[in-house]
N, C-alpha and C. Protein backbone atom coordinates (compact mmCIF):
# COMPACT_ATOMS: atom_id res chain seq x y z
N UNK A 1 60.01 -32.77 23.59
CA UNK A 1 61.31 -32.32 23.10
C UNK A 1 61.28 -31.91 21.62
N UNK A 2 60.61 -32.71 20.73
CA UNK A 2 60.56 -32.24 19.34
C UNK A 2 59.84 -30.91 19.20
N UNK A 3 58.77 -30.71 20.00
CA UNK A 3 58.04 -29.44 19.91
C UNK A 3 58.91 -28.29 20.39
N UNK A 4 59.68 -28.50 21.44
CA UNK A 4 60.57 -27.44 21.95
C UNK A 4 61.66 -27.13 20.92
N UNK A 5 62.19 -28.17 20.29
CA UNK A 5 63.24 -27.93 19.29
C UNK A 5 62.70 -27.09 18.13
N UNK A 6 61.46 -27.38 17.72
CA UNK A 6 60.88 -26.59 16.63
C UNK A 6 60.70 -25.14 17.04
N UNK A 7 60.22 -24.93 18.30
CA UNK A 7 60.03 -23.56 18.79
C UNK A 7 61.35 -22.83 18.89
N UNK A 8 62.38 -23.53 19.40
CA UNK A 8 63.68 -22.88 19.50
C UNK A 8 64.23 -22.55 18.11
N UNK A 9 64.01 -23.48 17.16
CA UNK A 9 64.46 -23.21 15.80
C UNK A 9 63.75 -22.02 15.18
N UNK A 10 62.45 -21.86 15.44
CA UNK A 10 61.70 -20.73 14.92
C UNK A 10 62.18 -19.42 15.52
N UNK A 11 62.40 -19.41 16.85
CA UNK A 11 62.90 -18.19 17.50
C UNK A 11 64.30 -17.85 17.01
N UNK A 12 65.11 -18.88 16.82
CA UNK A 12 66.46 -18.62 16.33
C UNK A 12 66.42 -18.03 14.92
N UNK A 13 65.49 -18.50 14.09
CA UNK A 13 65.36 -17.95 12.74
C UNK A 13 64.90 -16.50 12.76
N UNK A 14 63.92 -16.18 13.61
CA UNK A 14 63.36 -14.84 13.65
C UNK A 14 64.32 -13.83 14.23
N UNK A 15 65.08 -14.21 15.26
CA UNK A 15 65.87 -13.22 15.98
C UNK A 15 67.38 -13.35 15.75
N UNK A 16 67.85 -14.48 15.21
CA UNK A 16 69.30 -14.64 15.03
C UNK A 16 69.67 -15.02 13.59
N UNK A 17 68.74 -14.95 12.67
CA UNK A 17 69.06 -15.26 11.29
C UNK A 17 68.63 -16.64 10.86
N UNK A 18 68.46 -17.58 11.81
CA UNK A 18 67.93 -18.91 11.49
C UNK A 18 68.96 -19.81 10.84
N UNK A 19 68.56 -21.08 10.68
CA UNK A 19 69.41 -22.06 10.02
C UNK A 19 69.14 -22.04 8.53
N UNK A 20 70.14 -22.39 7.74
CA UNK A 20 69.99 -22.34 6.30
C UNK A 20 68.93 -23.31 5.80
N UNK A 21 68.83 -24.52 6.43
CA UNK A 21 67.88 -25.47 5.94
C UNK A 21 66.45 -25.09 6.26
N UNK A 22 66.22 -24.13 7.19
CA UNK A 22 64.88 -23.73 7.54
C UNK A 22 64.37 -22.58 6.66
N UNK A 23 65.24 -21.85 6.03
CA UNK A 23 64.83 -20.67 5.28
C UNK A 23 63.86 -20.98 4.15
N UNK A 24 64.09 -22.05 3.34
CA UNK A 24 63.11 -22.32 2.27
C UNK A 24 61.74 -22.68 2.81
N UNK A 25 61.70 -23.42 3.95
CA UNK A 25 60.41 -23.82 4.50
C UNK A 25 59.62 -22.61 4.96
N UNK A 26 60.26 -21.74 5.73
CA UNK A 26 59.56 -20.55 6.23
C UNK A 26 59.26 -19.58 5.10
N UNK A 27 60.18 -19.55 4.11
CA UNK A 27 59.93 -18.67 2.98
C UNK A 27 58.66 -19.08 2.24
N UNK A 28 58.46 -20.36 2.03
CA UNK A 28 57.25 -20.82 1.38
C UNK A 28 56.03 -20.63 2.27
N UNK A 29 56.24 -20.80 3.59
CA UNK A 29 55.13 -20.68 4.52
C UNK A 29 54.56 -19.27 4.55
N UNK A 30 55.44 -18.28 4.61
CA UNK A 30 54.99 -16.89 4.71
C UNK A 30 54.97 -16.18 3.36
N UNK A 31 55.38 -16.87 2.29
CA UNK A 31 55.37 -16.29 0.95
C UNK A 31 56.07 -14.94 0.92
N UNK A 32 57.33 -14.94 1.47
CA UNK A 32 58.05 -13.68 1.58
C UNK A 32 58.82 -13.32 0.32
N UNK A 33 58.61 -14.06 -0.77
CA UNK A 33 59.28 -13.75 -2.02
C UNK A 33 58.28 -13.82 -3.18
N UNK A 34 57.24 -12.94 -3.15
CA UNK A 34 56.22 -12.99 -4.21
C UNK A 34 56.77 -12.50 -5.54
N UNK A 35 56.13 -12.92 -6.63
CA UNK A 35 56.53 -12.47 -7.95
C UNK A 35 56.17 -11.00 -8.13
N UNK A 36 57.10 -10.18 -8.65
CA UNK A 36 56.78 -8.76 -8.84
C UNK A 36 55.70 -8.58 -9.90
N UNK A 37 54.84 -7.56 -9.74
CA UNK A 37 53.79 -7.32 -10.74
C UNK A 37 54.41 -6.87 -12.05
N UNK A 38 53.75 -7.11 -13.18
CA UNK A 38 54.28 -6.66 -14.46
C UNK A 38 54.39 -5.15 -14.51
N UNK A 39 55.44 -4.61 -15.11
CA UNK A 39 55.62 -3.15 -15.15
C UNK A 39 54.52 -2.47 -15.94
N UNK A 40 54.08 -1.33 -15.45
CA UNK A 40 53.06 -0.55 -16.13
C UNK A 40 53.72 0.32 -17.19
N UNK A 41 53.05 0.53 -18.31
CA UNK A 41 53.64 1.40 -19.35
C UNK A 41 53.79 2.82 -18.84
N UNK A 42 54.91 3.43 -19.20
CA UNK A 42 55.16 4.79 -18.75
C UNK A 42 54.24 5.76 -19.47
N UNK A 43 53.69 6.70 -18.73
CA UNK A 43 52.82 7.71 -19.33
C UNK A 43 53.67 8.74 -20.05
N UNK A 44 53.19 9.19 -21.19
CA UNK A 44 53.92 10.17 -21.99
C UNK A 44 53.21 11.50 -21.94
N UNK A 45 53.98 12.57 -21.94
CA UNK A 45 53.38 13.91 -21.95
C UNK A 45 54.28 14.92 -22.64
N UNK A 46 55.33 14.47 -23.30
CA UNK A 46 56.22 15.39 -23.97
C UNK A 46 56.69 14.83 -25.29
N UNK A 47 57.49 15.60 -26.00
CA UNK A 47 57.98 15.19 -27.30
C UNK A 47 56.98 15.47 -28.40
N UNK A 48 57.22 14.94 -29.60
CA UNK A 48 56.27 15.14 -30.71
C UNK A 48 54.88 14.64 -30.34
N UNK A 49 53.87 15.37 -30.79
CA UNK A 49 52.49 15.03 -30.42
C UNK A 49 51.65 14.82 -31.67
N UNK A 50 50.66 13.91 -31.55
CA UNK A 50 49.71 13.64 -32.61
C UNK A 50 48.30 13.82 -32.07
N UNK A 51 47.46 14.49 -32.85
CA UNK A 51 46.04 14.60 -32.53
C UNK A 51 45.32 13.46 -33.24
N UNK A 52 44.61 12.62 -32.48
CA UNK A 52 43.95 11.44 -33.04
C UNK A 52 42.45 11.59 -32.91
N UNK A 53 41.75 11.39 -34.01
CA UNK A 53 40.28 11.37 -34.00
C UNK A 53 39.84 9.98 -33.56
N UNK A 54 39.18 9.90 -32.41
CA UNK A 54 38.90 8.61 -31.78
C UNK A 54 37.97 7.74 -32.60
N UNK A 55 37.07 8.33 -33.38
CA UNK A 55 36.05 7.53 -34.07
C UNK A 55 36.61 6.72 -35.24
N UNK A 56 37.77 7.09 -35.80
CA UNK A 56 38.33 6.31 -36.90
C UNK A 56 39.86 6.25 -36.88
N UNK A 57 40.49 6.79 -35.86
CA UNK A 57 41.94 6.72 -35.74
C UNK A 57 42.71 7.67 -36.62
N UNK A 58 42.01 8.54 -37.36
CA UNK A 58 42.69 9.52 -38.20
C UNK A 58 43.53 10.45 -37.33
N UNK A 59 44.75 10.75 -37.77
CA UNK A 59 45.66 11.55 -36.94
C UNK A 59 46.39 12.57 -37.79
N UNK A 60 46.92 13.58 -37.10
CA UNK A 60 47.79 14.56 -37.75
C UNK A 60 48.73 15.12 -36.69
N UNK A 61 49.95 15.50 -37.07
CA UNK A 61 50.91 16.02 -36.08
C UNK A 61 50.51 17.40 -35.59
N UNK A 62 50.88 17.70 -34.38
CA UNK A 62 50.60 19.00 -33.77
C UNK A 62 51.90 19.79 -33.64
N UNK A 63 51.84 21.07 -34.04
CA UNK A 63 52.98 21.95 -33.86
C UNK A 63 52.96 22.52 -32.46
N UNK A 64 54.14 22.73 -31.90
CA UNK A 64 54.24 23.38 -30.59
C UNK A 64 53.86 24.83 -30.71
N UNK A 65 52.93 25.28 -29.90
CA UNK A 65 52.47 26.67 -29.96
C UNK A 65 52.18 27.21 -28.60
N UNK A 66 51.44 28.31 -28.57
CA UNK A 66 51.11 28.95 -27.30
C UNK A 66 50.14 28.10 -26.49
N UNK A 67 49.25 27.37 -27.15
CA UNK A 67 48.28 26.51 -26.47
C UNK A 67 48.89 25.13 -26.23
N UNK A 68 48.26 24.36 -25.34
CA UNK A 68 48.72 23.01 -25.07
C UNK A 68 48.34 22.09 -26.23
N UNK A 69 48.99 20.91 -26.37
CA UNK A 69 48.60 19.99 -27.43
C UNK A 69 47.12 19.60 -27.37
N UNK A 70 46.58 19.40 -26.17
CA UNK A 70 45.16 19.04 -26.05
C UNK A 70 44.26 20.17 -26.53
N UNK A 71 44.61 21.42 -26.25
CA UNK A 71 43.82 22.56 -26.71
C UNK A 71 43.90 22.71 -28.22
N UNK A 72 45.09 22.52 -28.78
CA UNK A 72 45.25 22.60 -30.23
C UNK A 72 44.46 21.50 -30.92
N UNK A 73 44.50 20.30 -30.36
CA UNK A 73 43.78 19.17 -30.94
C UNK A 73 42.28 19.43 -30.95
N UNK A 74 41.76 19.94 -29.84
CA UNK A 74 40.33 20.22 -29.76
C UNK A 74 39.94 21.35 -30.72
N UNK A 75 40.81 22.35 -30.86
CA UNK A 75 40.49 23.47 -31.74
C UNK A 75 40.46 23.05 -33.20
N UNK A 76 41.38 22.18 -33.61
CA UNK A 76 41.40 21.70 -34.99
C UNK A 76 40.28 20.72 -35.28
N UNK A 77 39.83 19.98 -34.26
CA UNK A 77 38.86 18.91 -34.48
C UNK A 77 37.77 18.95 -33.41
N UNK A 78 36.93 20.00 -33.40
CA UNK A 78 35.93 20.13 -32.34
C UNK A 78 34.68 19.27 -32.53
N UNK A 79 34.48 18.70 -33.73
CA UNK A 79 33.23 17.98 -34.01
C UNK A 79 33.27 16.52 -33.60
N UNK A 80 34.41 15.99 -33.18
CA UNK A 80 34.53 14.58 -32.79
C UNK A 80 35.44 14.46 -31.57
N UNK A 81 35.27 13.38 -30.78
CA UNK A 81 36.18 13.15 -29.65
C UNK A 81 37.60 12.92 -30.15
N UNK A 82 38.56 13.47 -29.45
CA UNK A 82 39.96 13.35 -29.84
C UNK A 82 40.81 12.98 -28.64
N UNK A 83 42.02 12.52 -28.91
CA UNK A 83 42.99 12.22 -27.86
C UNK A 83 44.37 12.52 -28.41
N UNK A 84 45.26 12.98 -27.54
CA UNK A 84 46.63 13.33 -27.94
C UNK A 84 47.56 12.18 -27.57
N UNK A 85 48.39 11.77 -28.52
CA UNK A 85 49.39 10.73 -28.31
C UNK A 85 50.77 11.34 -28.55
N UNK A 86 51.75 10.92 -27.76
CA UNK A 86 53.10 11.46 -27.85
C UNK A 86 54.07 10.37 -28.30
N UNK A 87 54.97 10.72 -29.20
CA UNK A 87 55.98 9.79 -29.66
C UNK A 87 56.60 10.25 -30.95
N UNK A 88 57.75 9.66 -31.30
CA UNK A 88 58.42 10.05 -32.53
C UNK A 88 57.71 9.52 -33.76
N UNK A 89 56.91 8.45 -33.61
CA UNK A 89 56.10 7.91 -34.71
C UNK A 89 54.75 7.50 -34.15
N UNK A 90 53.73 7.48 -35.00
CA UNK A 90 52.38 7.18 -34.53
C UNK A 90 52.27 5.73 -34.07
N UNK A 91 53.05 4.82 -34.66
CA UNK A 91 52.95 3.41 -34.29
C UNK A 91 53.30 3.18 -32.82
N UNK A 92 54.28 3.89 -32.31
CA UNK A 92 54.69 3.72 -30.92
C UNK A 92 54.23 4.82 -29.99
N UNK A 93 53.41 5.75 -30.49
CA UNK A 93 52.98 6.88 -29.67
C UNK A 93 52.05 6.42 -28.56
N UNK A 94 52.14 7.08 -27.40
CA UNK A 94 51.32 6.75 -26.25
C UNK A 94 50.60 7.99 -25.74
N UNK A 95 49.41 7.76 -25.18
CA UNK A 95 48.66 8.84 -24.55
C UNK A 95 49.21 9.08 -23.15
N UNK A 96 48.75 10.15 -22.50
CA UNK A 96 49.20 10.46 -21.15
C UNK A 96 48.85 9.35 -20.17
N UNK A 97 47.81 8.56 -20.47
CA UNK A 97 47.42 7.45 -19.61
C UNK A 97 48.30 6.23 -19.79
N UNK A 98 49.16 6.22 -20.80
CA UNK A 98 49.99 5.06 -21.10
C UNK A 98 49.46 4.22 -22.24
N UNK A 99 48.25 4.50 -22.72
CA UNK A 99 47.68 3.73 -23.81
C UNK A 99 48.48 3.96 -25.10
N UNK A 100 48.75 2.89 -25.82
CA UNK A 100 49.47 2.98 -27.09
C UNK A 100 48.48 3.15 -28.23
N UNK A 101 48.82 4.03 -29.17
CA UNK A 101 47.90 4.28 -30.28
C UNK A 101 47.58 2.99 -31.03
N UNK A 102 48.61 2.17 -31.30
CA UNK A 102 48.41 0.94 -32.06
C UNK A 102 47.45 -0.02 -31.36
N UNK A 103 47.27 0.12 -30.04
CA UNK A 103 46.36 -0.75 -29.29
C UNK A 103 44.99 -0.12 -29.07
N UNK A 104 44.78 1.10 -29.52
CA UNK A 104 43.49 1.76 -29.33
C UNK A 104 42.42 1.11 -30.21
N UNK A 105 41.17 1.34 -29.87
CA UNK A 105 40.06 0.63 -30.49
C UNK A 105 39.99 0.84 -31.99
N UNK A 106 40.20 2.05 -32.47
CA UNK A 106 40.04 2.35 -33.90
C UNK A 106 41.36 2.74 -34.56
N UNK A 107 42.46 2.18 -34.09
CA UNK A 107 43.76 2.51 -34.69
C UNK A 107 43.77 2.15 -36.17
N UNK A 108 44.10 3.12 -37.00
CA UNK A 108 44.21 2.97 -38.46
C UNK A 108 42.91 2.53 -39.14
N UNK A 109 41.78 2.69 -38.45
CA UNK A 109 40.50 2.30 -39.06
C UNK A 109 40.19 3.15 -40.29
N UNK A 110 40.66 4.39 -40.33
CA UNK A 110 40.38 5.29 -41.46
C UNK A 110 40.99 4.76 -42.75
N UNK A 111 41.98 3.87 -42.66
CA UNK A 111 42.60 3.33 -43.87
C UNK A 111 41.65 2.38 -44.61
N UNK A 112 40.71 1.79 -43.88
CA UNK A 112 39.76 0.86 -44.50
C UNK A 112 38.53 1.59 -45.02
N UNK A 113 38.04 2.56 -44.26
CA UNK A 113 36.84 3.29 -44.68
C UNK A 113 36.71 4.57 -43.88
N UNK A 114 36.15 5.60 -44.51
CA UNK A 114 35.86 6.86 -43.85
C UNK A 114 34.36 6.94 -43.57
N UNK A 115 34.01 7.38 -42.37
CA UNK A 115 32.62 7.49 -41.97
C UNK A 115 32.15 8.92 -42.13
N UNK A 116 30.94 9.07 -42.66
CA UNK A 116 30.40 10.41 -42.88
C UNK A 116 30.17 11.14 -41.57
N UNK A 117 29.91 10.40 -40.47
CA UNK A 117 29.63 11.04 -39.19
C UNK A 117 30.89 11.22 -38.35
N UNK A 118 32.05 10.90 -38.91
CA UNK A 118 33.31 11.03 -38.17
C UNK A 118 34.12 12.14 -38.83
N UNK A 119 33.95 13.35 -38.36
CA UNK A 119 34.59 14.52 -38.97
C UNK A 119 35.20 15.41 -37.90
N UNK A 120 36.07 16.28 -38.33
CA UNK A 120 36.64 17.29 -37.44
C UNK A 120 35.90 18.62 -37.55
N UNK A 121 35.43 18.93 -38.76
CA UNK A 121 34.77 20.21 -38.98
C UNK A 121 33.26 20.10 -39.07
N UNK A 122 32.71 18.88 -38.93
CA UNK A 122 31.27 18.70 -39.00
C UNK A 122 30.72 18.62 -40.40
N UNK A 123 31.59 18.60 -41.44
CA UNK A 123 31.13 18.61 -42.82
C UNK A 123 31.74 17.51 -43.67
N UNK A 124 33.03 17.22 -43.48
CA UNK A 124 33.69 16.23 -44.31
C UNK A 124 34.72 15.47 -43.47
N UNK A 125 34.96 14.18 -43.78
CA UNK A 125 35.93 13.41 -43.00
C UNK A 125 37.36 13.90 -43.13
N UNK A 126 37.67 14.64 -44.20
CA UNK A 126 39.05 15.04 -44.44
C UNK A 126 39.43 16.44 -44.03
N UNK A 127 38.49 17.24 -43.54
CA UNK A 127 38.79 18.64 -43.26
C UNK A 127 39.03 18.93 -41.78
N UNK A 128 39.80 19.99 -41.51
CA UNK A 128 40.04 20.48 -40.16
C UNK A 128 39.41 21.85 -40.01
N UNK A 129 39.23 22.27 -38.76
CA UNK A 129 38.70 23.60 -38.51
C UNK A 129 39.82 24.64 -38.52
N UNK A 130 39.56 25.84 -39.06
CA UNK A 130 40.55 26.92 -38.92
C UNK A 130 40.62 27.37 -37.46
N UNK A 131 41.80 27.77 -37.04
CA UNK A 131 41.98 28.20 -35.65
C UNK A 131 42.49 29.63 -35.62
N UNK A 132 42.41 30.23 -34.46
CA UNK A 132 42.90 31.58 -34.24
C UNK A 132 44.42 31.60 -34.47
N UNK A 133 44.90 32.55 -35.26
CA UNK A 133 46.33 32.62 -35.55
C UNK A 133 47.17 32.88 -34.31
N UNK A 134 46.58 33.47 -33.29
CA UNK A 134 47.34 33.74 -32.06
C UNK A 134 47.72 32.45 -31.36
N UNK A 135 47.04 31.34 -31.67
CA UNK A 135 47.36 30.06 -31.06
C UNK A 135 48.49 29.34 -31.77
N UNK A 136 48.80 29.72 -33.00
CA UNK A 136 49.76 29.00 -33.82
C UNK A 136 51.17 29.50 -33.51
N UNK A 137 51.89 28.75 -32.68
CA UNK A 137 53.25 29.14 -32.31
C UNK A 137 54.27 28.84 -33.37
N UNK A 138 53.88 28.19 -34.48
CA UNK A 138 54.83 27.88 -35.54
C UNK A 138 55.01 29.04 -36.51
N UNK A 139 54.15 30.05 -36.44
CA UNK A 139 54.25 31.18 -37.36
C UNK A 139 55.50 32.01 -37.09
N UNK A 140 56.12 32.44 -38.16
CA UNK A 140 57.29 33.31 -38.07
C UNK A 140 57.08 34.52 -38.98
N UNK A 141 57.77 35.59 -38.66
CA UNK A 141 57.64 36.81 -39.44
C UNK A 141 57.97 36.54 -40.90
N UNK A 142 57.04 36.95 -41.80
CA UNK A 142 57.22 36.73 -43.22
C UNK A 142 56.39 35.59 -43.76
N UNK A 143 55.80 34.76 -42.89
CA UNK A 143 54.91 33.69 -43.36
C UNK A 143 53.67 34.31 -43.99
N UNK A 144 53.24 33.77 -45.12
CA UNK A 144 52.09 34.30 -45.85
C UNK A 144 50.89 33.40 -45.61
N UNK A 145 49.75 34.03 -45.30
CA UNK A 145 48.53 33.29 -45.00
C UNK A 145 47.36 33.88 -45.79
N UNK A 146 46.33 33.06 -45.96
CA UNK A 146 45.11 33.50 -46.63
C UNK A 146 44.14 34.02 -45.59
N UNK A 147 43.58 35.19 -45.82
CA UNK A 147 42.60 35.79 -44.92
C UNK A 147 41.38 36.22 -45.74
N UNK A 148 40.37 36.70 -45.04
CA UNK A 148 39.18 37.17 -45.74
C UNK A 148 39.47 38.40 -46.60
N UNK A 149 40.57 39.09 -46.32
CA UNK A 149 40.97 40.26 -47.10
C UNK A 149 42.04 39.95 -48.14
N UNK A 150 42.30 38.66 -48.39
CA UNK A 150 43.33 38.27 -49.33
C UNK A 150 44.57 37.75 -48.62
N UNK A 151 45.66 37.63 -49.35
CA UNK A 151 46.90 37.12 -48.78
C UNK A 151 47.60 38.19 -47.96
N UNK A 152 48.03 37.79 -46.76
CA UNK A 152 48.71 38.72 -45.86
C UNK A 152 49.96 38.03 -45.32
N UNK A 153 50.91 38.84 -44.88
CA UNK A 153 52.16 38.35 -44.29
C UNK A 153 52.10 38.56 -42.78
N UNK A 154 52.52 37.53 -42.06
CA UNK A 154 52.52 37.59 -40.59
C UNK A 154 53.73 38.40 -40.12
N UNK A 155 53.48 39.38 -39.23
CA UNK A 155 54.56 40.22 -38.72
C UNK A 155 54.81 40.04 -37.24
N UNK A 156 54.00 39.24 -36.56
CA UNK A 156 54.17 39.04 -35.12
C UNK A 156 52.87 39.28 -34.39
N UNK A 157 52.96 39.30 -33.06
CA UNK A 157 51.80 39.53 -32.20
C UNK A 157 51.88 40.94 -31.63
N UNK A 158 50.78 41.68 -31.76
CA UNK A 158 50.75 43.03 -31.22
C UNK A 158 50.78 43.00 -29.70
N UNK A 159 51.54 43.90 -29.13
CA UNK A 159 51.61 43.99 -27.68
C UNK A 159 50.33 44.58 -27.15
N UNK A 160 49.76 43.95 -26.12
CA UNK A 160 48.50 44.42 -25.55
C UNK A 160 47.75 43.27 -24.92
N UNK A 161 46.59 43.57 -24.37
CA UNK A 161 45.81 42.55 -23.68
C UNK A 161 45.17 41.55 -24.65
N UNK A 162 44.85 42.00 -25.86
CA UNK A 162 44.15 41.11 -26.78
C UNK A 162 45.08 40.15 -27.52
N UNK A 163 46.38 40.47 -27.59
CA UNK A 163 47.39 39.62 -28.23
C UNK A 163 46.97 39.23 -29.66
N UNK A 164 46.55 40.21 -30.44
CA UNK A 164 46.10 39.93 -31.80
C UNK A 164 47.30 39.84 -32.74
N UNK A 165 47.24 38.96 -33.75
CA UNK A 165 48.34 38.86 -34.70
C UNK A 165 48.39 40.08 -35.61
N UNK A 166 49.59 40.51 -35.95
CA UNK A 166 49.79 41.68 -36.82
C UNK A 166 50.02 41.18 -38.24
N UNK A 167 49.11 41.53 -39.15
CA UNK A 167 49.19 41.09 -40.54
C UNK A 167 49.38 42.28 -41.47
N UNK A 168 50.17 42.08 -42.52
CA UNK A 168 50.42 43.12 -43.51
C UNK A 168 50.10 42.56 -44.89
N UNK A 169 49.34 43.27 -45.72
CA UNK A 169 49.09 42.79 -47.09
C UNK A 169 50.39 42.50 -47.81
N UNK A 170 50.41 41.44 -48.61
CA UNK A 170 51.65 41.04 -49.27
C UNK A 170 52.17 42.12 -50.21
N UNK A 171 51.27 42.96 -50.73
CA UNK A 171 51.70 44.01 -51.65
C UNK A 171 52.59 45.04 -50.97
N UNK A 172 52.48 45.18 -49.65
CA UNK A 172 53.28 46.20 -48.95
C UNK A 172 54.22 45.61 -47.90
N UNK A 173 54.34 44.29 -47.84
CA UNK A 173 55.25 43.68 -46.87
C UNK A 173 56.68 43.74 -47.40
N UNK A 174 57.62 44.35 -46.65
CA UNK A 174 58.98 44.57 -47.19
C UNK A 174 59.83 43.31 -47.24
N UNK A 175 59.43 42.23 -46.57
CA UNK A 175 60.29 41.06 -46.50
C UNK A 175 60.17 40.12 -47.68
N UNK A 176 59.38 40.45 -48.70
CA UNK A 176 59.19 39.57 -49.85
C UNK A 176 59.91 40.13 -51.07
N UNK A 177 60.44 39.22 -51.88
CA UNK A 177 61.08 39.66 -53.12
C UNK A 177 60.00 40.04 -54.14
N UNK A 178 60.34 40.85 -55.14
CA UNK A 178 59.35 41.23 -56.16
C UNK A 178 58.74 40.02 -56.87
N UNK A 179 59.55 38.98 -57.12
CA UNK A 179 59.04 37.80 -57.80
C UNK A 179 57.99 37.07 -56.94
N UNK A 180 58.30 36.88 -55.66
CA UNK A 180 57.36 36.21 -54.77
C UNK A 180 56.11 37.05 -54.59
N UNK A 181 56.28 38.35 -54.46
CA UNK A 181 55.12 39.23 -54.29
C UNK A 181 54.21 39.18 -55.51
N UNK A 182 54.79 39.11 -56.70
CA UNK A 182 53.99 39.06 -57.92
C UNK A 182 53.20 37.75 -58.00
N UNK A 183 53.84 36.64 -57.65
CA UNK A 183 53.15 35.35 -57.69
C UNK A 183 52.01 35.31 -56.68
N UNK A 184 52.25 35.85 -55.51
CA UNK A 184 51.21 35.83 -54.48
C UNK A 184 50.05 36.74 -54.84
N UNK A 185 50.36 37.86 -55.47
CA UNK A 185 49.30 38.80 -55.84
C UNK A 185 48.34 38.18 -56.85
N UNK A 186 48.85 37.29 -57.70
CA UNK A 186 48.01 36.64 -58.72
C UNK A 186 47.12 35.54 -58.15
N UNK A 187 47.39 35.11 -56.93
CA UNK A 187 46.59 34.03 -56.33
C UNK A 187 45.24 34.55 -55.85
N UNK A 188 44.22 33.72 -55.99
CA UNK A 188 42.88 34.06 -55.53
C UNK A 188 42.54 33.23 -54.30
N UNK A 189 41.89 33.87 -53.34
CA UNK A 189 41.51 33.21 -52.09
C UNK A 189 40.01 33.04 -52.05
N UNK A 190 39.55 31.79 -51.88
CA UNK A 190 38.12 31.53 -51.78
C UNK A 190 37.63 31.88 -50.39
N UNK A 191 36.50 32.53 -50.25
CA UNK A 191 36.01 32.91 -48.92
C UNK A 191 35.59 31.69 -48.12
N UNK A 192 35.76 31.76 -46.80
CA UNK A 192 35.35 30.67 -45.92
C UNK A 192 33.84 30.66 -45.78
N UNK A 193 33.29 29.47 -45.63
CA UNK A 193 31.85 29.35 -45.46
C UNK A 193 31.44 29.90 -44.10
N UNK A 194 30.27 30.52 -44.05
CA UNK A 194 29.81 31.17 -42.82
C UNK A 194 29.59 30.16 -41.71
N UNK A 195 29.07 28.95 -42.02
CA UNK A 195 28.81 27.98 -40.97
C UNK A 195 30.10 27.43 -40.38
N UNK A 196 31.14 27.28 -41.20
CA UNK A 196 32.43 26.83 -40.68
C UNK A 196 33.07 27.90 -39.81
N UNK A 197 32.95 29.15 -40.20
CA UNK A 197 33.50 30.23 -39.39
C UNK A 197 32.82 30.31 -38.04
N UNK A 198 31.49 30.08 -38.01
CA UNK A 198 30.75 30.13 -36.75
C UNK A 198 31.18 28.99 -35.83
N UNK A 199 31.42 27.79 -36.39
CA UNK A 199 31.88 26.67 -35.58
C UNK A 199 33.26 26.92 -35.01
N UNK A 200 34.13 27.50 -35.83
CA UNK A 200 35.48 27.81 -35.36
C UNK A 200 35.45 28.84 -34.25
N UNK A 201 34.57 29.83 -34.37
CA UNK A 201 34.46 30.85 -33.33
C UNK A 201 33.99 30.25 -32.02
N UNK A 202 33.06 29.29 -32.09
CA UNK A 202 32.59 28.62 -30.89
C UNK A 202 33.67 27.80 -30.22
N UNK A 203 34.54 27.17 -31.02
CA UNK A 203 35.63 26.38 -30.45
C UNK A 203 36.67 27.28 -29.80
N UNK A 204 36.88 28.47 -30.36
CA UNK A 204 37.90 29.36 -29.80
C UNK A 204 37.48 29.96 -28.47
N UNK A 205 36.19 30.17 -28.25
CA UNK A 205 35.76 30.81 -27.02
C UNK A 205 36.04 29.97 -25.80
N UNK A 206 36.21 28.66 -25.98
CA UNK A 206 36.46 27.78 -24.84
C UNK A 206 37.93 27.72 -24.47
N UNK A 207 38.81 28.30 -25.28
CA UNK A 207 40.24 28.24 -25.03
C UNK A 207 40.71 29.46 -24.24
N UNK A 208 41.73 29.27 -23.37
CA UNK A 208 42.22 30.40 -22.57
C UNK A 208 43.02 31.38 -23.41
N UNK A 209 43.27 32.54 -22.83
CA UNK A 209 44.09 33.55 -23.51
C UNK A 209 45.49 33.01 -23.70
N UNK A 210 46.13 33.40 -24.77
CA UNK A 210 47.45 32.88 -25.11
C UNK A 210 48.51 33.92 -24.80
N UNK A 211 49.72 33.45 -24.41
CA UNK A 211 50.82 34.38 -24.16
C UNK A 211 51.40 34.89 -25.46
N UNK A 212 52.34 35.85 -25.39
CA UNK A 212 52.93 36.40 -26.62
C UNK A 212 53.60 35.33 -27.45
N UNK A 213 53.64 35.55 -28.76
CA UNK A 213 54.28 34.61 -29.68
C UNK A 213 55.79 34.72 -29.55
N UNK A 214 56.54 33.71 -30.07
CA UNK A 214 58.00 33.77 -30.02
C UNK A 214 58.55 34.95 -30.80
N UNK A 215 59.82 35.26 -30.55
CA UNK A 215 60.46 36.37 -31.23
C UNK A 215 60.52 36.11 -32.72
N UNK A 216 60.31 37.13 -33.55
CA UNK A 216 60.34 36.94 -35.01
C UNK A 216 61.72 36.50 -35.48
N UNK A 217 61.75 35.75 -36.58
CA UNK A 217 62.99 35.34 -37.22
C UNK A 217 62.97 35.87 -38.64
N UNK A 218 64.11 35.80 -39.36
CA UNK A 218 64.13 36.34 -40.73
C UNK A 218 63.03 35.75 -41.59
N UNK A 219 62.54 36.57 -42.54
CA UNK A 219 61.39 36.18 -43.37
C UNK A 219 61.73 34.98 -44.21
N UNK A 220 60.71 34.17 -44.46
CA UNK A 220 60.85 33.04 -45.35
C UNK A 220 59.55 32.83 -46.09
N UNK A 221 59.63 32.25 -47.26
CA UNK A 221 58.42 32.00 -48.06
C UNK A 221 57.71 30.79 -47.51
N UNK A 222 56.39 30.85 -47.48
CA UNK A 222 55.59 29.73 -46.97
C UNK A 222 54.50 29.42 -47.97
């Protein structure tokens, strides 16, 4: 009789809801209320982005452009492994995998010491590589840049398959005031080193073609 009562009680629990005093016993027996696993950190892939040099944690913000943040990061720092972190500040920024910058192996290590073998341009710990202007989506009409031919003003991207940037010498660019033009004309531009230019060219060949740049806005001094 006790065995039958237990069987009837078990069937009543399974098919009719069971008795209240039996629920804790069966709950412990079948472990039907396990502890939930700890939440995983959410992966980030949008918002402000930082390019981080993995060997010493050195970072710099990335501007939104025609290329992806990962492509921009690699183009600026091709000589060392890099990773992109997203967030409003570097302390709380996370990679696409969910890793937090502050928890990474070399976070803020550059503040203690700079390593000669940890560089972006292959020459110095503090320098970045020059990139193709067609990749820089932050440029606006009237921005002044240094080129091998001197200072030029950005006028936009030429329409065509090559999507080359259109540059005008500052002496003939109509969007500059006479005072600004005179100051810029007096500036001297040092030529880029041939080995750095060759490294930059090699980094650019691995990047895909870029779409047209954004519409020009009124000129501004840069």
